[in-house]
Protein backbone atom coordinates (compact mmCIF):
# COMPACT_ATOMS: atom_id res chain seq x y z
CA UNK A 1 24.95 -17.22 22.50
CA UNK A 2 22.56 -15.77 20.99
CA UNK A 3 19.94 -17.25 18.53
CA UNK A 4 17.93 -15.84 15.76
CA UNK A 5 13.97 -15.68 16.55
CA UNK A 6 11.96 -17.55 14.42
CA UNK A 7 9.16 -16.62 13.21
CA UNK A 8 5.98 -19.03 14.09
CA UNK A 9 5.06 -20.68 10.77
CA UNK A 10 1.39 -21.09 10.13
CA UNK A 11 -0.16 -24.47 9.77
CA UNK A 12 0.21 -26.33 6.37
CA UNK A 13 -3.62 -26.78 6.16
CA UNK A 14 -4.17 -22.90 6.78
CA UNK A 15 -1.16 -21.77 4.42
CA UNK A 16 -2.65 -23.74 1.64
CA UNK A 17 -5.94 -22.45 1.99
CA UNK A 18 -4.57 -19.12 2.38
CA UNK A 19 -2.33 -19.63 -1.14
CA UNK A 20 -5.46 -20.95 -2.85
CA UNK A 21 -7.44 -18.06 -2.27
CA UNK A 22 -5.17 -15.78 -3.04
CA UNK A 23 -5.02 -17.37 -6.36
CA UNK A 24 -8.22 -18.34 -7.16
CA UNK A 25 -10.54 -16.05 -8.90
CA UNK A 26 -13.55 -18.23 -8.64
CA UNK A 27 -13.10 -19.08 -4.98
CA UNK A 28 -13.47 -15.07 -4.20
CA UNK A 29 -15.97 -14.52 -6.32
CA UNK A 30 -18.09 -17.24 -5.25
CA UNK A 31 -17.66 -16.32 -1.47
CA UNK A 32 -18.26 -12.51 -2.20
CA UNK A 33 -21.28 -13.78 -3.84
CA UNK A 34 -22.19 -16.12 -0.74
CA UNK A 35 -21.97 -13.36 1.49
CA UNK A 36 -24.00 -10.66 0.01
CA UNK A 37 -26.57 -13.46 -0.97
CA UNK A 38 -26.69 -14.55 2.52
CA UNK A 39 -27.25 -10.87 3.61
CA UNK A 40 -29.82 -9.99 0.71
CA UNK A 41 -31.76 -13.30 1.55
CA UNK A 42 -31.84 -12.85 5.31
CA UNK A 43 -33.48 -9.26 5.07
CA UNK A 44 -35.70 -10.20 2.60
CA UNK A 45 -36.66 -13.41 4.71
CA UNK A 46 -36.78 -11.14 7.42
CA UNK A 47 -39.29 -8.87 6.19
CA UNK A 48 -41.48 -11.60 4.70
CA UNK A 49 -41.41 -13.44 7.71
CA UNK A 50 -42.92 -10.24 9.85
CA UNK A 51 -45.23 -9.64 6.97
CA UNK A 52 -46.81 -13.10 7.50
CA UNK A 53 -46.38 -13.18 11.35
CA UNK A 54 -48.50 -9.81 11.33
CA UNK A 55 -50.79 -11.18 9.09
CA UNK A 56 -51.60 -14.08 10.74
CA UNK A 57 -52.01 -12.70 14.28
CA UNK A 58 -53.94 -9.71 12.96
CA UNK A 59 -56.08 -12.49 11.12
CA UNK A 60 -56.56 -14.17 14.32
CA UNK A 61 -57.58 -11.26 16.22
CA UNK A 62 -59.99 -10.00 13.80
CA UNK A 63 -61.57 -13.51 14.39
CA UNK A 64 -61.36 -13.99 18.11
CA UNK A 65 -62.81 -10.54 18.67
CA UNK A 66 -65.95 -10.90 16.45
CA UNK A 67 -66.43 -14.85 18.01
CA UNK A 68 -66.43 -12.92 21.33
CA UNK A 69 -68.54 -9.96 20.50
CA UNK A 70 -71.30 -12.79 19.09
CA UNK A 71 -71.02 -15.14 22.39
CA UNK A 72 -71.19 -11.97 24.54
CA UNK A 73 -74.19 -10.59 22.42
CA UNK A 74 -75.85 -14.06 22.33
CA UNK A 75 -75.35 -14.46 26.16
CA UNK A 76 -76.54 -11.29 27.07
CA UNK A 77 -79.78 -11.37 24.74
CA UNK A 78 -80.22 -15.00 26.70
CA UNK A 79 -80.14 -13.30 29.88
CA UNK A 80 -82.04 -10.70 29.22
CA UNK A 81 -85.17 -13.03 27.95
CA UNK A 82 -85.39 -14.62 31.31
CA UNK A 83 -86.45 -12.12 34.60
CA UNK A 84 -84.41 -12.66 37.30
CA UNK A 85 -84.05 -11.44 40.89
CA UNK A 86 -81.21 -10.48 43.30
CA UNK A 87 -81.53 -14.19 45.08
CA UNK A 88 -81.01 -15.20 41.57
CA UNK A 89 -77.68 -13.74 40.93
CA UNK A 90 -75.71 -16.87 41.49
CA UNK A 91 -77.50 -19.04 39.30
CA UNK A 92 -77.54 -16.32 36.35
CA UNK A 93 -74.08 -16.36 36.50
CA UNK A 94 -73.67 -19.85 36.04
CA UNK A 95 -76.37 -19.56 33.56
CA UNK A 96 -74.18 -17.04 32.09
CA UNK A 97 -70.81 -18.56 31.94
CA UNK A 98 -71.59 -22.41 31.90
CA UNK A 99 -73.12 -22.42 27.98
CA UNK A 100 -69.88 -20.33 27.29
CA UNK A 101 -67.66 -22.87 28.95
CA UNK A 102 -69.07 -25.60 26.98
CA UNK A 103 -68.59 -24.05 23.77
CA UNK A 104 -65.00 -22.76 24.75
CA UNK A 105 -64.35 -26.68 25.53
CA UNK A 106 -65.59 -27.93 22.17
CA UNK A 107 -64.48 -24.80 20.16
CA UNK A 108 -60.99 -24.28 21.90
CA UNK A 109 -61.03 -21.41 23.86
CA UNK A 110 -60.98 -20.80 27.70
CA UNK A 111 -63.38 -18.80 29.64
CA UNK A 112 -63.09 -16.64 32.90
CA UNK A 113 -65.67 -14.83 34.43
CA UNK A 114 -64.93 -11.66 36.63
CA UNK A 115 -66.23 -10.32 39.70
CA UNK A 116 -68.85 -7.00 39.59
CA UNK A 117 -67.27 -3.95 38.35
CA UNK A 118 -67.32 -1.83 41.43
CA UNK A 119 -66.78 -3.91 44.26
CA UNK A 120 -63.43 -3.96 46.50
CA UNK A 121 -63.25 -7.88 46.40
CA UNK A 122 -64.40 -7.70 42.09
CA UNK A 123 -60.72 -8.88 41.57
CA UNK A 124 -60.23 -12.34 39.84
CA UNK A 125 -57.64 -13.14 42.43
CA UNK A 126 -59.42 -12.64 45.12
CA UNK A 127 -61.62 -15.46 44.42
CA UNK A 128 -64.93 -16.48 43.76
CA UNK A 129 -64.55 -16.37 39.59
CA UNK A 130 -65.95 -18.86 37.30
CA UNK A 131 -63.54 -20.34 34.86
CA UNK A 132 -62.82 -22.99 32.90
CA UNK A 133 -61.63 -26.27 34.95
CA UNK A 134 -58.04 -26.99 34.54
CA UNK A 135 -57.48 -22.74 33.16
CA UNK A 136 -55.18 -20.73 35.46
CA UNK A 137 -56.97 -17.66 35.93
CA UNK A 138 -53.32 -15.83 36.17
CA UNK A 139 -53.12 -16.26 32.60
CA UNK A 140 -55.89 -12.83 32.49
CA UNK A 141 -53.33 -9.90 32.18
CA UNK A 142 -53.31 -7.98 35.30
CA UNK A 143 -53.14 -4.44 33.00
CA UNK A 144 -56.28 -6.16 31.02
CA UNK A 145 -58.06 -6.50 34.41
CA UNK A 146 -57.32 -3.22 35.63
CA UNK A 147 -59.17 -1.64 32.36
CA UNK A 148 -62.26 -3.31 33.32
CA UNK A 149 -62.08 -2.03 36.92
CA UNK A 150 -64.81 0.26 35.73
CA UNK A 151 -67.21 -0.11 32.44
CA UNK A 152 -65.38 0.03 29.29
CA UNK A 153 -65.76 -1.12 25.61
CA UNK A 154 -64.57 -4.54 24.46
CA UNK A 155 -60.35 -5.03 24.39
CA UNK A 156 -58.13 -7.49 23.66
CA UNK A 157 -54.25 -8.35 24.57
CA UNK A 158 -51.60 -11.10 23.63
CA UNK A 159 -50.84 -13.50 26.85
CA UNK A 160 -49.56 -16.59 27.78
CA UNK A 161 -52.20 -19.13 28.52
CA UNK A 162 -50.95 -21.76 31.72
CA UNK A 163 -53.20 -24.57 32.12
CA UNK A 164 -52.38 -27.67 34.79
CA UNK A 165 -52.17 -29.83 32.15
CA UNK A 166 -55.39 -31.89 31.76
CA UNK A 167 -56.35 -33.10 28.55
CA UNK A 168 -59.57 -30.71 28.07
CA UNK A 169 -57.00 -27.91 28.65
CA UNK A 170 -54.03 -29.33 27.21
CA UNK A 171 -54.58 -27.41 23.56
CA UNK A 172 -54.85 -24.18 25.12
CA UNK A 173 -51.49 -23.90 26.90
CA UNK A 174 -48.80 -21.47 25.05
CA UNK A 175 -48.69 -17.91 23.21
CA UNK A 176 -52.93 -16.57 23.14
CA UNK A 177 -54.96 -14.00 22.91
CA UNK A 178 -57.57 -12.63 25.31
CA UNK A 179 -60.45 -10.41 25.18
CA UNK A 180 -62.52 -9.04 27.69
CA UNK A 181 -66.38 -7.89 27.30
CA UNK A 182 -68.74 -6.86 29.78
CA UNK A 183 -72.31 -8.25 30.35
CA UNK A 184 -74.86 -7.19 32.74
CA UNK A 185 -76.71 -9.64 35.02
CA UNK A 186 -80.98 -8.84 35.05
CA UNK A 187 -80.50 -10.16 38.47
CA UNK A 188 -78.69 -7.67 40.35
CA UNK A 189 -77.96 -5.23 37.91
CA UNK A 190 -74.51 -5.52 37.67
CA UNK A 191 -71.41 -5.84 35.01
CA UNK A 192 -69.36 -8.71 35.11
CA UNK A 193 -66.24 -8.84 32.82
CA UNK A 194 -66.14 -12.38 30.58
CA UNK A 195 -62.76 -13.24 29.54
CA UNK A 196 -62.01 -15.56 26.54
CA UNK A 197 -58.63 -16.92 26.20
CA UNK A 198 -57.91 -18.51 22.45
CA UNK A 199 -54.76 -19.86 22.13
CA UNK A 200 -52.24 -19.21 18.93
CA UNK A 201 -50.90 -22.85 18.49
CA UNK A 202 -52.23 -22.70 14.82
CA UNK A 203 -50.74 -19.79 14.01
CA UNK A 204 -47.77 -20.51 15.43
CA UNK A 205 -47.50 -24.10 13.21
CA UNK A 206 -48.43 -22.14 10.55
CA UNK A 207 -45.45 -19.30 11.11
CA UNK A 208 -43.18 -22.26 11.61
CA UNK A 209 -44.00 -24.00 8.56
CA UNK A 210 -43.58 -20.92 6.65
CA UNK A 211 -40.30 -20.05 8.36
CA UNK A 212 -38.97 -23.90 7.68
CA UNK A 213 -40.00 -23.03 4.00
CA UNK A 214 -37.88 -19.87 3.40
CA UNK A 215 -34.72 -21.48 5.13
CA UNK A 216 -35.10 -24.31 2.68
CA UNK A 217 -35.58 -22.06 -0.16
CA UNK A 218 -32.91 -19.65 0.97
CA UNK A 219 -30.36 -22.47 1.79
CA UNK A 220 -31.00 -24.02 -1.77
CA UNK A 221 -31.03 -20.46 -3.53
CA UNK A 222 -27.60 -19.78 -1.80
CA UNK A 223 -26.14 -23.37 -3.26
CA UNK A 224 -27.79 -22.61 -6.99
CA UNK A 225 -26.33 -18.89 -6.78
CA UNK A 226 -22.58 -20.06 -5.99
CA UNK A 227 -22.75 -22.80 -8.22
CA UNK A 228 -24.10 -20.56 -10.94
CA UNK A 229 -21.61 -17.66 -9.91
CA UNK A 230 -18.85 -20.93 -9.83
CA UNK A 231 -19.53 -21.62 -13.40
CA UNK A 232 -19.72 -18.25 -15.02
CA UNK A 233 -16.89 -16.93 -13.40
CA UNK A 234 -14.70 -20.01 -14.40
CA UNK A 235 -15.84 -20.05 -18.03
CA UNK A 236 -14.46 -16.29 -17.92
CA UNK A 237 -11.68 -17.26 -16.10
CA UNK A 238 -10.44 -20.44 -18.09
CA UNK A 239 -9.44 -18.35 -21.22
CA UNK A 240 -7.49 -16.16 -18.92
CA UNK A 241 -6.16 -19.01 -17.15
CA UNK A 242 -5.02 -20.40 -20.69
CA UNK A 243 -3.65 -16.79 -21.80
CA UNK A 244 -1.29 -16.92 -18.70
CA UNK A 245 0.09 -20.00 -19.29
CA UNK A 246 0.70 -19.51 -22.91
CA UNK A 247 2.18 -16.23 -21.98
CA UNK A 248 4.43 -18.05 -19.35
CA UNK A 249 5.46 -20.57 -21.87
CA UNK A 250 6.09 -17.62 -24.28
CA UNK A 251 8.24 -15.88 -21.78
CA UNK A 252 10.36 -19.04 -21.06
CA UNK A 253 11.26 -19.02 -24.93
CA UNK A 254 8.72 -21.39 -26.37
CA UNK A 255 7.71 -18.78 -28.79
CA UNK A 256 5.13 -21.28 -31.10
CA UNK A 257 2.77 -21.46 -28.64
CA UNK A 258 -0.48 -20.16 -29.37
CA UNK A 259 -4.17 -20.10 -28.09
CA UNK A 260 -6.93 -22.27 -29.21
CA UNK A 261 -9.63 -20.49 -30.60
CA UNK A 262 -13.31 -21.67 -30.13
CA UNK A 263 -15.99 -19.43 -31.45
CA UNK A 264 -16.60 -15.88 -32.58
CA UNK A 265 -17.51 -13.95 -28.81
CA UNK A 266 -15.32 -11.66 -27.09
CA UNK A 267 -13.19 -14.48 -25.74
CA UNK A 268 -12.38 -15.83 -28.81
CA UNK A 269 -11.34 -12.34 -30.32
CA UNK A 270 -9.02 -11.85 -27.58
CA UNK A 271 -7.56 -14.97 -28.22
CA UNK A 272 -7.18 -13.99 -32.00
CA UNK A 273 -5.37 -10.92 -30.92
CA UNK A 274 -3.35 -12.73 -28.51
CA UNK A 275 -1.78 -15.09 -31.21
CA UNK A 276 -1.29 -12.43 -33.45
CA UNK A 277 0.80 -10.54 -30.95
CA UNK A 278 2.90 -13.57 -30.24
CA UNK A 279 3.28 -14.06 -33.89
CA UNK A 280 4.57 -10.85 -34.32
CA UNK A 281 6.43 -10.86 -31.18
CA UNK A 282 8.26 -14.04 -32.57
CA UNK A 283 8.70 -12.83 -35.91
CA UNK A 284 10.56 -9.96 -34.25
CA UNK A 285 12.64 -11.67 -31.72
CA UNK A 286 13.79 -13.51 -34.79
CA UNK A 287 15.06 -10.60 -36.46
CA UNK A 288 16.59 -9.64 -33.38
CA UNK A 289 18.29 -12.85 -32.62
CA UNK A 290 19.39 -13.38 -36.42
CA UNK A 291 20.96 -9.23 -35.96
CA UNK A 292 22.54 -9.98 -33.00
CA UNK A 293 24.12 -13.18 -34.19
CA UNK A 294 24.98 -11.31 -37.43
CA UNK A 295 26.47 -8.13 -35.18
CA UNK A 296 28.31 -11.07 -33.04
CA UNK A 297 29.35 -12.90 -35.91
CA UNK A 298 30.56 -9.52 -37.84
CA UNK A 299 32.58 -8.29 -34.61
CA UNK A 300 34.41 -11.58 -34.00
CA UNK A 301 35.64 -12.03 -37.39
CA UNK A 302 36.65 -8.14 -37.86
CA UNK A 303 38.62 -8.72 -34.72
CA UNK A 304 40.17 -11.87 -35.96
CA UNK A 305 40.85 -10.42 -39.31
CA UNK A 306 42.42 -7.47 -37.99
CA UNK A 307 45.05 -9.27 -35.97
CA UNK A 308 47.04 -10.03 -39.08
CA UNK A 309 47.10 -6.81 -40.64
CA UNK A 310 48.05 -5.42 -36.91
CA UNK A 311 50.65 -7.74 -36.25
CA UNK A 312 52.57 -6.26 -39.46
CA UNK A 313 51.89 -2.73 -38.51
CA UNK A 314 52.97 -3.67 -34.89
CA UNK A 315 56.28 -4.94 -36.15
CA UNK A 316 56.62 -1.89 -38.37
CA UNK A 317 55.79 -0.10 -35.51
CA UNK A 318 58.47 -1.63 -33.18
CA UNK A 319 61.14 -0.80 -35.34
CA UNK A 320 60.13 2.65 -36.03
CA UNK A 321 59.64 2.72 -32.21
CA UNK A 322 62.94 1.48 -31.44
CA UNK A 323 65.25 3.85 -34.27
CA UNK A 324 63.12 7.12 -33.07
CA UNK A 325 66.77 8.38 -31.94
CA UNK A 326 68.14 9.04 -35.02
CA UNK A 327 64.88 10.47 -36.78
CA UNK A 328 64.39 14.52 -36.22
CA UNK A 329 61.77 15.44 -33.52
CA UNK A 330 58.72 15.48 -35.91
CA UNK A 331 59.31 12.12 -36.77
CA UNK A 332 60.77 10.61 -33.71
CA UNK A 333 57.32 11.87 -32.18
CA UNK A 334 55.22 10.55 -34.84
CA UNK A 335 56.80 7.13 -34.00
CA UNK A 336 56.14 7.16 -30.38
CA UNK A 337 52.59 8.57 -31.08
CA UNK A 338 51.97 5.33 -33.57
CA UNK A 339 53.47 3.47 -30.92
CA UNK A 340 51.03 4.44 -28.18
CA UNK A 341 47.99 3.99 -30.66
CA UNK A 342 48.71 0.97 -31.50
CA UNK A 343 48.65 -0.50 -28.05
CA UNK A 344 45.34 1.09 -27.49
CA UNK A 345 44.30 -0.22 -30.95
CA UNK A 346 45.46 -3.90 -29.92
CA UNK A 347 43.27 -3.36 -26.51
CA UNK A 348 40.49 -2.65 -28.31
CA UNK A 349 40.97 -5.61 -30.47
CA UNK A 350 41.22 -7.84 -27.38
CA UNK A 351 38.20 -6.21 -25.56
CA UNK A 352 35.99 -6.66 -28.97
CA UNK A 353 36.85 -10.56 -28.99
CA UNK A 354 36.37 -10.36 -24.90
CA UNK A 355 32.74 -9.11 -25.54
CA UNK A 356 32.11 -11.48 -28.62
CA UNK A 357 32.63 -14.18 -26.11
CA UNK A 358 29.98 -12.84 -23.69
CA UNK A 359 27.65 -12.54 -26.26
CA UNK A 360 28.16 -15.94 -27.71
CA UNK A 361 27.61 -17.22 -23.97
CA UNK A 362 31.02 -18.74 -24.28
CA UNK A 363 32.73 -17.21 -21.64
CA UNK A 364 33.92 -19.24 -18.73
CA UNK A 365 35.15 -19.07 -14.89
CA UNK A 366 38.42 -20.62 -13.58
CA UNK A 367 37.16 -20.65 -10.05
CA UNK A 368 39.58 -20.65 -7.35
CA UNK A 369 39.63 -18.92 -3.67
CA UNK A 370 40.84 -15.44 -4.38
CA UNK A 371 41.38 -12.65 -1.22
CA UNK A 372 40.08 -9.95 -2.49
CA UNK A 373 42.59 -7.71 0.08
CA UNK A 374 45.86 -9.09 -1.78
CA UNK A 375 43.79 -8.26 -5.21
CA UNK A 376 43.18 -4.66 -4.13
CA UNK A 377 46.88 -4.33 -3.15
CA UNK A 378 48.12 -6.16 -6.08
CA UNK A 379 46.15 -4.00 -9.00
CA UNK A 380 46.82 -0.59 -6.98
CA UNK A 381 50.59 -1.43 -7.10
CA UNK A 382 50.40 -1.73 -10.64
CA UNK A 383 47.98 1.22 -11.51
CA UNK A 384 50.91 3.47 -9.00
CA UNK A 385 52.78 4.55 -11.86
CA UNK A 386 50.09 5.41 -13.76
CA UNK A 387 48.03 7.60 -10.75
CA UNK A 388 51.81 9.16 -10.20
CA UNK A 389 51.48 10.81 -13.79
CA UNK A 390 48.23 12.21 -12.29
CA UNK A 391 49.27 13.14 -9.07
CA UNK A 392 46.64 10.92 -7.57
CA UNK A 393 47.55 9.10 -4.25
CA UNK A 394 45.96 5.34 -4.54
CA UNK A 395 44.84 4.51 -0.76
CA UNK A 396 43.62 0.57 0.39
CA UNK A 397 41.64 0.44 3.44
CA UNK A 398 40.92 -3.34 3.80
CA UNK A 399 39.49 -5.34 6.58
CA UNK A 400 42.02 -6.98 9.05
CA UNK A 401 40.66 -10.28 8.16
CA UNK A 402 40.98 -12.00 4.64
CA UNK A 403 37.99 -11.11 2.51
CA UNK A 404 37.90 -14.39 0.38
CA UNK A 405 35.61 -15.49 -2.47
CA UNK A 406 35.31 -18.10 -4.76
CA UNK A 407 36.36 -16.22 -8.26
CA UNK A 408 38.12 -16.37 -11.25
CA UNK A 409 40.88 -14.33 -10.14
CA UNK A 410 41.92 -12.94 -13.65
CA UNK A 411 38.60 -11.64 -13.91
CA UNK A 412 38.15 -10.02 -10.58
CA UNK A 413 41.76 -8.28 -11.31
CA UNK A 414 40.40 -6.85 -14.52
CA UNK A 415 37.01 -5.82 -12.68
CA UNK A 416 39.44 -3.84 -10.32
CA UNK A 417 41.91 -2.35 -12.73
CA UNK A 418 39.28 -0.67 -14.78
CA UNK A 419 37.47 0.89 -11.84
CA UNK A 420 40.79 2.23 -10.18
CA UNK A 421 41.90 3.98 -13.92
CA UNK A 422 38.65 5.04 -14.61
CA UNK A 423 38.84 6.68 -10.96
CA UNK A 424 42.32 7.83 -11.77
CA UNK A 425 40.92 9.43 -14.86
CA UNK A 426 38.19 10.96 -13.34
CA UNK A 427 39.89 11.90 -9.97
CA UNK A 428 39.58 15.71 -10.67
CA UNK A 429 37.41 18.27 -10.65
CA UNK A 430 40.01 20.82 -12.28
CA UNK A 431 43.57 20.63 -14.32
CA UNK A 432 45.80 21.58 -11.18
CA UNK A 433 47.91 19.00 -11.56
CA UNK A 434 50.09 20.71 -8.52
CA UNK A 435 47.51 19.47 -6.09
CA UNK A 436 47.36 15.61 -4.81
CA UNK A 437 43.82 13.81 -4.95
CA UNK A 438 43.17 10.34 -3.11
CA UNK A 439 41.00 7.28 -4.80
CA UNK A 440 40.62 5.00 -1.94
CA UNK A 441 40.17 1.61 -2.65
CA UNK A 442 37.56 -0.09 0.09
CA UNK A 443 37.52 -4.11 1.09
CA UNK A 444 35.28 -5.98 3.47
CA UNK A 445 33.59 -9.12 3.63
CA UNK A 446 31.11 -10.95 5.80
CA UNK A 447 29.41 -14.57 6.01
CA UNK A 448 27.70 -14.34 2.52
CA UNK A 449 29.80 -12.02 0.55
CA UNK A 450 33.17 -9.78 -0.05
CA UNK A 451 33.22 -6.34 -1.31
CA UNK A 452 35.83 -3.95 -2.89
CA UNK A 453 34.25 -0.78 -3.80
CA UNK A 454 36.49 2.39 -5.73
CA UNK A 455 35.58 5.93 -4.27
CA UNK A 456 37.20 9.17 -6.25
CA UNK A 457 36.25 12.61 -5.48
CA UNK A 458 36.10 14.11 -9.11
CA UNK A 459 33.23 15.24 -11.27
CA UNK A 460 31.14 12.18 -9.82
CA UNK A 461 28.27 11.12 -12.21
CA UNK A 462 24.94 13.28 -12.97
CA UNK A 463 21.46 11.77 -12.01
CA UNK A 464 20.47 9.03 -14.63
CA UNK A 465 23.97 8.21 -15.30
CA UNK A 466 24.60 5.69 -12.69
CA UNK A 467 22.76 3.05 -15.26
CA UNK A 468 24.41 4.49 -18.68
CA UNK A 469 28.20 4.25 -17.40
CA UNK A 470 27.84 0.55 -18.11
CA UNK A 471 26.84 0.63 -21.67
CA UNK A 472 29.58 0.05 -24.53
CA UNK A 473 31.36 3.16 -25.19
CA UNK A 474 29.47 6.00 -22.67
CA UNK A 475 31.25 8.76 -21.58
CA UNK A 476 29.65 10.79 -18.98
CA UNK A 477 31.76 13.69 -21.18
CA UNK A 478 32.84 13.22 -24.57
CA UNK A 479 35.17 16.01 -24.54
CA UNK A 480 37.18 14.64 -21.54
CA UNK A 481 40.46 12.78 -22.97
CA UNK A 482 41.32 9.19 -21.75
CA UNK A 483 44.49 9.45 -19.89
CA UNK A 484 44.68 5.75 -19.39
CA UNK A 485 44.17 5.13 -22.80
CA UNK A 486 41.11 3.13 -22.16
CA UNK A 487 38.69 1.90 -24.79
CA UNK A 488 35.49 2.57 -23.88
CA UNK A 489 34.38 -1.19 -23.28
CA UNK A 490 35.91 -1.63 -19.78
CA UNK A 491 33.02 -0.96 -17.82
CA UNK A 492 31.03 -3.50 -19.90
CA UNK A 493 33.27 -5.72 -19.74
CA UNK A 494 33.57 -5.40 -15.89
CA UNK A 495 29.80 -5.61 -15.39
CA UNK A 496 29.38 -9.40 -17.63
CA UNK A 497 32.31 -10.16 -15.53
CA UNK A 498 30.66 -9.52 -12.49
CA UNK A 499 27.33 -11.17 -13.55
CA UNK A 500 29.35 -14.20 -14.96
CA UNK A 501 30.10 -14.59 -11.24
CA UNK A 502 26.84 -14.07 -9.98
CA UNK A 503 27.62 -10.63 -8.08
CA UNK A 504 26.92 -7.07 -8.34
CA UNK A 505 28.80 -3.98 -10.10
CA UNK A 506 27.01 -1.03 -8.91
CA UNK A 507 27.75 2.50 -9.28
CA UNK A 508 26.92 6.14 -7.18
CA UNK A 509 27.60 9.38 -7.96
CA UNK A 510 26.58 12.84 -7.15
CA UNK A 511 28.02 15.84 -9.46
CA UNK A 512 31.34 17.74 -7.69
CA UNK A 513 30.99 14.64 -4.68
CA UNK A 514 32.93 12.15 -6.95
CA UNK A 515 31.58 8.74 -7.43
CA UNK A 516 31.83 5.18 -5.52
CA UNK A 517 31.80 2.00 -7.83
CA UNK A 518 30.88 -1.24 -5.48
CA UNK A 519 32.00 -5.10 -6.80
CA UNK A 520 30.11 -7.67 -4.60
CA UNK A 521 30.64 -11.31 -4.91
CA UNK A 522 29.43 -14.20 -2.95
CA UNK A 523 31.31 -15.98 -0.71
CA UNK A 524 30.76 -19.60 -2.73
CA UNK A 525 29.69 -20.32 -6.13
CA UNK A 526 26.14 -20.45 -6.83
CA UNK A 527 24.82 -18.94 -3.83
CA UNK A 528 22.58 -15.76 -4.12
CA UNK A 529 23.51 -12.27 -3.05
CA UNK A 530 20.88 -10.48 -0.78
CA UNK A 531 23.49 -7.69 0.47
CA UNK A 532 26.88 -6.24 0.15
CA UNK A 533 29.13 -5.73 3.26
CA UNK A 534 29.48 -1.78 2.41
CA UNK A 535 26.56 0.58 1.76
CA UNK A 536 27.15 2.05 -2.19
CA UNK A 537 27.03 5.50 -1.09
CA UNK A 538 30.14 6.66 0.79
CA UNK A 539 29.96 6.85 4.68
CA UNK A 540 31.43 9.96 4.00
CA UNK A 541 28.24 11.87 2.19
CA UNK A 542 25.18 13.12 3.42
CA UNK A 543 22.14 12.40 1.24
CA UNK A 544 20.10 15.66 1.15
CA UNK A 545 16.64 14.59 2.92
CA UNK A 546 13.70 14.69 0.59
């Protein structure tokens, strides 16, 4: 057995969240403000941090380059003041580097003395270099060392300073700046390179402090902006929400509801205008209700009052109609016409009384299980004499299974009879009565609804007439005679009967292709209709492709 595929359901929390998101303007505005503000603050924060970092580093580089130049200048002056020999070169190296190392220990920088320029074994990695104890000589980048393979101007670059972790060099470890400058020893006349390594720990701490401050300020600013946005949006939305609530109550019939007016701003003026509109609507609705009540009472009173004279005229008309054989031909014909019009007049009064009951809301249903197939055959049999006068054949095409519905059988028969008599009236497109035409009655049902459709192949309905056809006393062709003696209220009463059952009465038509009226009733009382077992457009008609 096949089972219907069940659609996956969202979790309850997610479903409520989505509902809140769709219905809350404050939430959407606040979230939009949060996202846009976060983007702007992030871009501004990144730019400020970038500028702050560059400023701190540039300031530090300028300071260490100047300090290095001073150290090298002082060292060169000191060496030039002491005459040396070739045998004193090693001692002069110690005299050069030891004072700088001592000052570096106290002032927080490291020192590396490279070999003489132009010597095959002059690289730091070849050994023999003098440096601050505990400092890893690999902290000097090879690219900077290559620059000083020959006599060159002072230069600097960023590096990662590594140490052995001792107390004296612990503060040096981390990111830093290395500055290289050359000095000439008087003892051997060779040029040596002095590398001074300065840590950037203070700058990193300062940048971290600025970053934390900016993050804290950004988060607080975001929270503040979202809160302000929520408050401002709520101030704007609250009057609109109140107006919506009052409008809903007005729509439900509480015409005395009004908005509370506070202040003189635009919202207050909007509330005043809304109240004036509600007051005007209330006054007009009262006037229309009073007019409708007077109209319904007038129709009801006139219908009842006309019954007494109609009864008298009916008695006289019956006497004249029975004695028409004794009259001359003209008087006999007049008696027949009088009887026919009295029948039509009595039917009109009955329809007017029924309409007045619908207008007053006094119409009730006598519910019973009704087989629409039986109703279709019964009504078709009763209207065949009228159809034979117009040379129209009534064809009933019913489903083989019962088409049951909980309905008022009398009202359903009245609906189908109205549809059939109208179809007979409009079944022909010409006045050639010698050619027999068909009116088809279709009956079908499914698990939810039962349907009766009446199809004719006559004049049809023009575009826009399918809605007007159910109006009272409306006629597609005012010059066309009513062969069935209709009153012009049949389809209006049929529509009200269908609505009273909770069903549909719909019309389809095309000029020259006929029309089809479809009555759809729910299988059980109180059930809502979702679809009809039969299409509204006949299956034998091909709709043009637009």
